[in-house]
Amino acid sequence: MSVENYQKAKEIILSEEEIADFVGGHTDELISLAEEKLGLKFTGLYLDYLKTFGAGNFGAQEIYGIINADFENSSVPDAIWYTLTERREINLPNNLLVIYDTGSDEIFCLDYNQLDDNGEPKVISFVPGVDLESQTYEIIANDFGDFLLDLVKLEV
């Protein structure tokens, strides 16, 4: 189950301080500002990630989130800045939130048009440069919890 997978990932991150480099958790106010800026409502697992870790790296894995309130003048791993930039530059659909860059031809996003029974968005692959009509939106993970645990396991 994904809540359990998220909790496992969180425990591993918190226990491996030497490879965990996160900006730190954020307030409800800052998270609300980010939601307003994007027109999205963060839910359960990703919301907990933002409140606990904010954004950062676990080993070589960079997991995007919120760095600070300056969403226009930021850089990775700022999910809000990256998503807004991709909306402008490649016409990224408004239902997607970029949470990970593979470093190759695709980015991984939370898809707020594909929610499970708990309101958790699927993690999908988006390929910049491919027409929106031709995108396959391959499901990478059923939700953020499964995705985060997979990334964390790669590093330990």
Protein backbone atom coordinates (compact mmCIF):
# COMPACT_ATOMS: atom_id res chain seq x y z
CA MET A 1 0.00 0.00 0.00
CA SER A 2 1.31 3.39 -0.90
CA VAL A 3 0.88 5.19 2.45
CA GLU A 4 3.00 2.42 3.93
CA ASN A 5 5.52 2.78 1.09
CA TYR A 6 5.67 6.52 1.68
CA GLN A 7 6.25 5.98 5.41
CA LYS A 8 9.03 3.47 4.64
CA ALA A 9 10.67 5.96 2.27
CA LYS A 10 10.35 8.73 4.87
CA GLU A 11 11.95 6.55 7.57
CA ILE A 12 14.86 5.67 5.29
CA ILE A 13 15.43 9.33 4.35
CA LEU A 14 15.37 10.40 7.99
CA SER A 15 17.76 7.61 9.02
CA GLU A 16 20.30 8.26 6.23
CA GLU A 17 21.27 11.81 7.16
CA GLU A 18 24.63 11.67 5.37
CA ILE A 19 22.98 11.36 1.93
CA ALA A 20 19.81 13.36 2.65
CA ASP A 21 20.00 17.04 1.70
CA PHE A 22 16.62 18.76 1.92
CA VAL A 23 15.62 22.41 2.39
CA GLY A 24 13.29 21.51 5.26
CA GLY A 25 9.55 21.42 5.70
CA HIS A 26 7.28 24.31 4.81
CA THR A 27 4.30 26.06 6.35
CA ASP A 28 0.71 25.70 5.23
CA GLU A 29 0.86 29.35 4.12
CA LEU A 30 3.75 28.81 1.70
CA ILE A 31 2.20 25.60 0.39
CA SER A 32 -1.10 27.47 -0.20
CA LEU A 33 0.78 30.16 -2.15
CA ALA A 34 2.30 27.46 -4.37
CA GLU A 35 -1.11 25.86 -4.91
CA GLU A 36 -2.61 29.21 -5.88
CA LYS A 37 0.25 29.94 -8.28
CA LEU A 38 -0.25 26.60 -10.06
CA GLY A 39 -4.01 26.24 -9.74
CA LEU A 40 -3.54 22.81 -8.14
CA LYS A 41 -4.40 21.38 -4.71
CA PHE A 42 -1.69 19.19 -3.21
CA THR A 43 -2.96 16.09 -1.43
CA GLY A 44 -1.91 13.51 1.15
CA LEU A 45 1.51 12.05 0.40
CA TYR A 46 3.02 14.89 -1.63
CA LEU A 47 1.60 17.43 0.82
CA ASP A 48 3.32 15.56 3.67
CA TYR A 49 6.57 15.54 1.67
CA LEU A 50 6.36 19.34 1.29
CA LYS A 51 5.64 19.78 5.01
CA THR A 52 8.42 17.38 6.05
CA PHE A 53 11.22 17.83 3.51
CA GLY A 54 10.29 20.74 1.23
CA ALA A 55 12.55 19.73 -1.68
CA GLY A 56 16.01 18.29 -2.12
CA ASN A 57 18.27 15.36 -2.77
CA PHE A 58 18.56 11.86 -1.44
CA GLY A 59 21.91 10.71 -2.74
CA ALA A 60 21.86 11.34 -6.48
CA GLN A 61 18.04 11.48 -6.59
CA GLU A 62 16.66 15.02 -6.77
CA ILE A 63 13.02 15.17 -5.67
CA TYR A 64 11.32 18.44 -6.54
CA GLY A 65 9.17 20.39 -4.12
CA ILE A 66 9.11 23.91 -2.73
CA ILE A 67 12.27 25.88 -1.96
CA ASN A 68 10.83 29.31 -1.04
CA ALA A 69 8.14 31.82 -2.05
CA ASP A 70 10.04 33.21 -5.05
CA PHE A 71 8.51 30.89 -7.64
CA GLU A 72 9.60 33.05 -10.57
CA ASN A 73 13.33 33.31 -9.80
CA SER A 74 14.32 29.88 -8.60
CA SER A 75 15.91 26.70 -9.93
CA VAL A 76 15.75 22.95 -9.48
CA PRO A 77 14.65 21.28 -7.29
CA ASP A 78 11.82 23.84 -7.13
CA ALA A 79 8.77 22.04 -8.54
CA ILE A 80 6.71 25.21 -8.68
CA TRP A 81 9.31 27.20 -10.65
CA TYR A 82 10.06 24.23 -12.94
CA THR A 83 6.37 23.56 -13.64
CA LEU A 84 5.65 27.25 -14.39
CA THR A 85 8.69 27.38 -16.67
CA GLU A 86 7.63 24.24 -18.53
CA ARG A 87 4.08 25.59 -18.90
CA ARG A 88 5.53 28.67 -20.63
CA GLU A 89 8.23 26.98 -22.67
CA ILE A 90 6.77 23.62 -23.76
CA ASN A 91 3.05 24.05 -23.09
CA LEU A 92 3.04 21.59 -20.17
CA PRO A 93 -0.62 20.83 -19.36
CA ASN A 94 -1.96 22.59 -16.24
CA ASN A 95 -2.92 19.29 -14.57
CA LEU A 96 0.75 18.22 -14.33
CA LEU A 97 3.28 19.06 -11.60
CA VAL A 98 6.92 18.28 -12.39
CA ILE A 99 8.52 16.37 -9.49
CA TYR A 100 11.54 14.71 -11.12
CA ASP A 101 13.79 15.11 -14.14
CA THR A 102 15.26 11.85 -15.42
CA GLY A 103 18.15 13.67 -17.06
CA SER A 104 17.24 12.10 -20.38
CA ASP A 105 14.22 12.73 -22.58
CA GLU A 106 11.45 12.73 -20.01
CA ILE A 107 10.21 14.37 -16.85
CA PHE A 108 8.02 12.73 -14.22
CA CYS A 109 4.92 14.56 -13.07
CA LEU A 110 2.03 14.19 -10.68
CA ASP A 111 -1.07 14.02 -12.87
CA TYR A 112 -3.98 15.70 -11.09
CA ASN A 113 -6.37 14.38 -13.77
CA GLN A 114 -5.60 10.80 -12.68
CA LEU A 115 -6.48 10.46 -8.99
CA ASP A 116 -6.93 7.23 -7.06
CA ASP A 117 -9.70 6.60 -4.51
CA ASN A 118 -7.69 8.49 -1.86
CA GLY A 119 -7.24 11.53 -4.11
CA GLU A 120 -3.59 10.70 -4.81
CA PRO A 121 -2.35 11.60 -8.31
CA LYS A 122 -0.52 9.06 -10.47
CA VAL A 123 3.13 9.71 -11.34
CA ILE A 124 3.39 9.86 -15.13
CA SER A 125 6.08 10.37 -17.74
CA PHE A 126 5.95 13.46 -19.97
CA VAL A 127 8.30 13.86 -22.93
CA PRO A 128 9.10 17.50 -23.77
CA GLY A 129 9.14 18.09 -27.51
CA VAL A 130 6.43 15.53 -28.25
CA ASP A 131 3.08 17.00 -29.34
CA LEU A 132 0.44 16.91 -26.61
CA GLU A 133 -1.77 14.73 -28.83
CA SER A 134 1.08 12.21 -29.13
CA GLN A 135 2.00 12.03 -25.43
CA THR A 136 1.54 8.57 -23.92
CA TYR A 137 1.48 9.67 -20.26
CA GLU A 138 3.01 6.36 -19.19
CA ILE A 139 2.26 5.63 -15.52
CA ILE A 140 5.56 5.44 -13.63
CA ALA A 141 4.04 4.86 -10.17
CA ASN A 142 0.54 4.61 -8.75
CA ASP A 143 1.26 7.56 -6.46
CA PHE A 144 3.98 9.65 -4.86
CA GLY A 145 4.55 7.12 -2.05
CA ASP A 146 5.41 4.29 -4.44
CA PHE A 147 7.56 6.64 -6.52
CA LEU A 148 9.52 7.99 -3.55
CA LEU A 149 10.20 4.52 -2.15
CA ASP A 150 11.52 3.36 -5.53
CA LEU A 151 13.89 6.36 -5.69
CA VAL A 152 15.07 5.91 -2.12
CA LYS A 153 15.77 2.21 -2.67
CA LEU A 154 18.02 3.10 -5.60
CA GLU A 155 20.29 4.99 -3.17
CA VAL A 156 20.56 2.55 -0.25
